[in-house]
């Protein structure tokens, strides 16, 4: 990760978070129950929103973002532990989490399928997965524009891919999708899925 990105992230995203994303996050995070794993917790923007969970274990690979998130732990209503780790190799036993939360992070993970397979491994059978992500738009012109912009965007924003087909990866990992909600012409989506085995 670059030197400047973790330091400026909250300042750059603040207006968007307050005006656009706050309500989306509140609605999604409010559904997290039991023992929760949050993938890529960043600066801890979700921490104050957990109110139905028993506890949250969060992972974050960037040390500076992890350090910045400690302030938001004090604002949380439930116990939160943050561990320095990446999503592609989770340091947990099989089937221990009731809910896994992933918000605006699959776009940056180099191997999203591997991360989702790891999420499936640590999530309990019939556990829930709650995601808020930006995805490639199902529109010929705008989707092509995302493809064209992605190489430059990745360099500017520490690996963020504008054109990820996240729904495809979720299905390929073996999750059963129960609902999808689209926001802002389908650029952003929330997904509720289950770790159901057949």
Protein backbone atom coordinates (compact mmCIF):
# COMPACT_ATOMS: atom_id res chain seq x y z
CA UNK A 1 0.00 0.00 0.00
CA UNK A 2 1.25 3.49 -0.79
CA UNK A 3 2.41 5.95 1.83
CA UNK A 4 -0.35 8.50 1.27
CA UNK A 5 -3.45 6.35 0.73
CA UNK A 6 -4.07 5.15 4.32
CA UNK A 7 -3.32 8.61 5.68
CA UNK A 8 -5.81 10.38 3.40
CA UNK A 9 -8.47 7.69 3.11
CA UNK A 10 -10.89 9.07 5.72
CA UNK A 11 -10.52 12.63 4.41
CA UNK A 12 -11.09 11.58 0.81
CA UNK A 13 -14.01 9.29 1.57
CA UNK A 14 -15.62 11.38 4.33
CA UNK A 15 -18.12 13.34 2.19
CA UNK A 16 -19.14 10.23 0.25
CA UNK A 17 -19.53 8.22 3.45
CA UNK A 18 -21.69 10.84 5.18
CA UNK A 19 -23.91 11.73 2.22
CA UNK A 20 -24.21 8.42 0.40
CA UNK A 21 -22.88 5.36 2.17
CA UNK A 22 -23.86 5.82 5.82
CA UNK A 23 -27.46 4.62 5.38
CA UNK A 24 -26.40 1.71 3.20
CA UNK A 25 -23.87 0.60 5.82
CA UNK A 26 -26.35 1.02 8.70
CA UNK A 27 -28.97 -1.13 6.96
CA UNK A 28 -26.47 -3.88 6.12
CA UNK A 29 -24.40 -3.92 9.33
CA UNK A 30 -27.58 -3.97 11.41
CA UNK A 31 -28.17 -7.50 10.12
CA UNK A 32 -24.86 -8.86 11.45
CA UNK A 33 -25.50 -11.23 14.36
CA UNK A 34 -23.62 -13.61 16.62
CA UNK A 35 -19.85 -13.85 16.27
CA UNK A 36 -18.89 -11.62 13.35
CA UNK A 37 -15.80 -11.51 11.16
CA UNK A 38 -15.17 -8.29 9.25
CA UNK A 39 -12.81 -8.52 6.29
CA UNK A 40 -10.60 -5.49 5.59
CA UNK A 41 -11.94 -3.20 8.30
CA UNK A 42 -9.76 -0.27 7.17
CA UNK A 43 -10.12 2.71 9.50
CA UNK A 44 -13.04 1.08 11.33
CA UNK A 45 -15.91 2.93 9.65
CA UNK A 46 -18.30 0.04 10.42
CA UNK A 47 -17.37 -0.38 14.08
CA UNK A 48 -19.92 2.04 15.60
CA UNK A 49 -22.72 0.50 13.48
CA UNK A 50 -22.72 -2.98 15.00
CA UNK A 51 -25.64 -3.22 17.41
CA UNK A 52 -27.02 -6.78 16.98
CA UNK A 53 -23.77 -8.76 17.07
CA UNK A 54 -22.26 -10.39 20.16
CA UNK A 55 -18.66 -9.63 19.18
CA UNK A 56 -16.63 -8.64 16.12
CA UNK A 57 -13.23 -9.90 15.03
CA UNK A 58 -11.87 -7.71 12.24
CA UNK A 59 -8.87 -8.23 10.00
CA UNK A 60 -6.89 -5.47 8.30
CA UNK A 61 -3.58 -5.99 6.45
CA UNK A 62 -2.45 -2.33 6.48
CA UNK A 63 -0.84 -1.43 9.85
CA UNK A 64 -1.56 2.29 9.63
CA UNK A 65 -5.24 1.78 8.84
CA UNK A 66 -5.44 -0.72 11.69
CA UNK A 67 -3.92 1.85 14.05
CA UNK A 68 -6.39 4.51 12.90
CA UNK A 69 -9.31 2.14 13.51
CA UNK A 70 -8.52 1.87 17.23
CA UNK A 71 -10.25 5.20 17.89
CA UNK A 72 -13.49 3.83 16.45
CA UNK A 73 -13.32 0.75 18.67
CA UNK A 74 -14.02 3.09 21.58
CA UNK A 75 -17.21 4.22 19.83
CA UNK A 76 -18.46 0.66 19.39
CA UNK A 77 -21.34 -0.80 21.39
CA UNK A 78 -19.89 -4.32 21.42
CA UNK A 79 -16.43 -5.91 21.87
CA UNK A 80 -14.22 -5.55 18.79
CA UNK A 81 -10.80 -7.09 18.21
CA UNK A 82 -8.65 -6.13 15.21
CA UNK A 83 -5.99 -8.49 13.85
CA UNK A 84 -3.36 -7.68 11.23
CA UNK A 85 -4.08 -10.22 8.49
CA UNK A 86 -5.15 -10.49 4.86
CA UNK A 87 -8.31 -11.99 3.42
CA UNK A 88 -6.67 -14.67 1.31
CA UNK A 89 -5.30 -16.60 4.31
CA UNK A 90 -7.51 -16.19 7.35
CA UNK A 91 -5.95 -17.17 10.71
CA UNK A 92 -9.07 -18.91 12.03
CA UNK A 93 -10.43 -22.44 12.39
CA UNK A 94 -13.18 -23.78 10.15
CA UNK A 95 -16.81 -22.75 10.67
CA UNK A 96 -16.46 -20.40 13.66
CA UNK A 97 -18.29 -17.22 12.53
CA UNK A 98 -22.04 -16.68 12.33
CA UNK A 99 -21.69 -13.65 10.03
CA UNK A 100 -18.96 -12.34 7.74
CA UNK A 101 -19.05 -8.67 6.71
CA UNK A 102 -17.22 -7.38 3.62
CA UNK A 103 -17.58 -3.71 2.67
CA UNK A 104 -15.75 -2.00 -0.19
CA UNK A 105 -12.80 -4.36 0.06
CA UNK A 106 -13.14 -7.17 -2.52
CA UNK A 107 -12.14 -4.64 -5.18
CA UNK A 108 -8.65 -4.42 -3.67
CA UNK A 109 -7.90 -8.07 -2.81
CA UNK A 110 -5.57 -9.52 -5.50
CA UNK A 111 -7.34 -12.90 -5.52
CA UNK A 112 -11.00 -12.31 -4.58
CA UNK A 113 -12.02 -15.91 -5.26
CA UNK A 114 -9.43 -17.25 -2.83
CA UNK A 115 -10.59 -14.73 -0.21
CA UNK A 116 -14.22 -15.78 -0.67
CA UNK A 117 -13.25 -19.44 -0.38
CA UNK A 118 -11.49 -18.63 2.89
CA UNK A 119 -14.59 -16.75 4.07
CA UNK A 120 -16.68 -19.80 3.26
CA UNK A 121 -14.28 -22.00 5.23
CA UNK A 122 -14.44 -19.93 8.43
CA UNK A 123 -18.17 -19.16 8.23
CA UNK A 124 -20.56 -21.58 9.90
CA UNK A 125 -22.77 -23.74 7.74
CA UNK A 126 -25.83 -21.61 6.93
CA UNK A 127 -24.00 -18.57 8.27
CA UNK A 128 -24.60 -15.27 6.54
CA UNK A 129 -22.32 -13.15 4.40
CA UNK A 130 -23.09 -9.43 4.07
CA UNK A 131 -21.36 -7.46 1.33
CA UNK A 132 -21.33 -3.85 0.15
CA UNK A 133 -19.19 -3.44 -2.96
CA UNK A 134 -18.76 -1.47 -6.14
CA UNK A 135 -18.90 -3.58 -9.29
CA UNK A 136 -18.68 -3.45 -13.05
CA UNK A 137 -21.81 -1.85 -14.47
CA UNK A 138 -24.03 -3.90 -16.79
CA UNK A 139 -23.88 -1.22 -19.48
CA UNK A 140 -21.87 -1.47 -22.70
CA UNK A 141 -20.42 2.05 -22.69
CA UNK A 142 -20.01 2.60 -18.93
CA UNK A 143 -18.70 -0.93 -18.39
CA UNK A 144 -16.10 -0.38 -21.12
CA UNK A 145 -15.15 2.92 -19.48
CA UNK A 146 -14.57 1.08 -16.19
CA UNK A 147 -12.34 -1.41 -18.01
CA UNK A 148 -10.37 1.44 -19.58
CA UNK A 149 -9.95 3.35 -16.30
CA UNK A 150 -9.08 0.39 -14.08
CA UNK A 151 -5.30 0.14 -14.78
CA UNK A 152 -4.74 3.80 -13.84
CA UNK A 153 -7.25 3.66 -10.96
CA UNK A 154 -5.47 0.62 -9.49
CA UNK A 155 -2.19 2.52 -9.34
CA UNK A 156 -3.79 5.60 -7.77
CA UNK A 157 -5.95 3.74 -5.25
CA UNK A 158 -3.76 0.88 -4.08
CA UNK A 159 -5.08 -1.93 -6.23
CA UNK A 160 -8.77 -0.97 -6.37
CA UNK A 161 -10.39 -2.57 -9.44
CA UNK A 162 -13.35 -0.65 -10.85
CA UNK A 163 -14.51 -3.55 -12.99
CA UNK A 164 -14.75 -6.55 -10.65
CA UNK A 165 -17.56 -9.02 -11.38
CA UNK A 166 -18.14 -9.63 -7.68
CA UNK A 167 -21.41 -11.52 -8.10
CA UNK A 168 -19.65 -14.06 -10.32
CA UNK A 169 -16.93 -14.63 -7.69
CA UNK A 170 -19.50 -15.06 -4.91
CA UNK A 171 -21.34 -17.72 -6.89
CA UNK A 172 -18.11 -19.43 -7.93
CA UNK A 173 -17.04 -19.63 -4.27
CA UNK A 174 -20.22 -21.62 -3.57
CA UNK A 175 -22.41 -19.14 -1.70
CA UNK A 176 -26.16 -19.01 -2.20
CA UNK A 177 -27.22 -15.41 -2.86
CA UNK A 178 -30.51 -14.48 -1.21
CA UNK A 179 -30.79 -10.82 -2.14
CA UNK A 180 -29.06 -8.10 -4.14
CA UNK A 181 -29.81 -4.39 -3.88
CA UNK A 182 -28.41 -1.93 -6.39
CA UNK A 183 -27.50 1.70 -5.72
CA UNK A 184 -26.47 4.59 -7.95
CA UNK A 185 -27.34 2.93 -11.26
CA UNK A 186 -25.83 -0.38 -10.21
CA UNK A 187 -22.30 0.85 -9.53
CA UNK A 188 -22.72 -0.16 -5.87
CA UNK A 189 -24.54 -3.23 -4.59
CA UNK A 190 -25.32 -4.93 -1.32
CA UNK A 191 -25.52 -8.70 -1.22
CA UNK A 192 -26.90 -11.05 1.40
CA UNK A 193 -25.72 -14.62 0.92
CA UNK A 194 -25.62 -17.87 2.89
CA UNK A 195 -22.96 -20.49 3.36
CA UNK A 196 -25.23 -23.30 2.28
CA UNK A 197 -23.91 -26.69 1.24
CA UNK A 198 -25.72 -28.98 -1.17
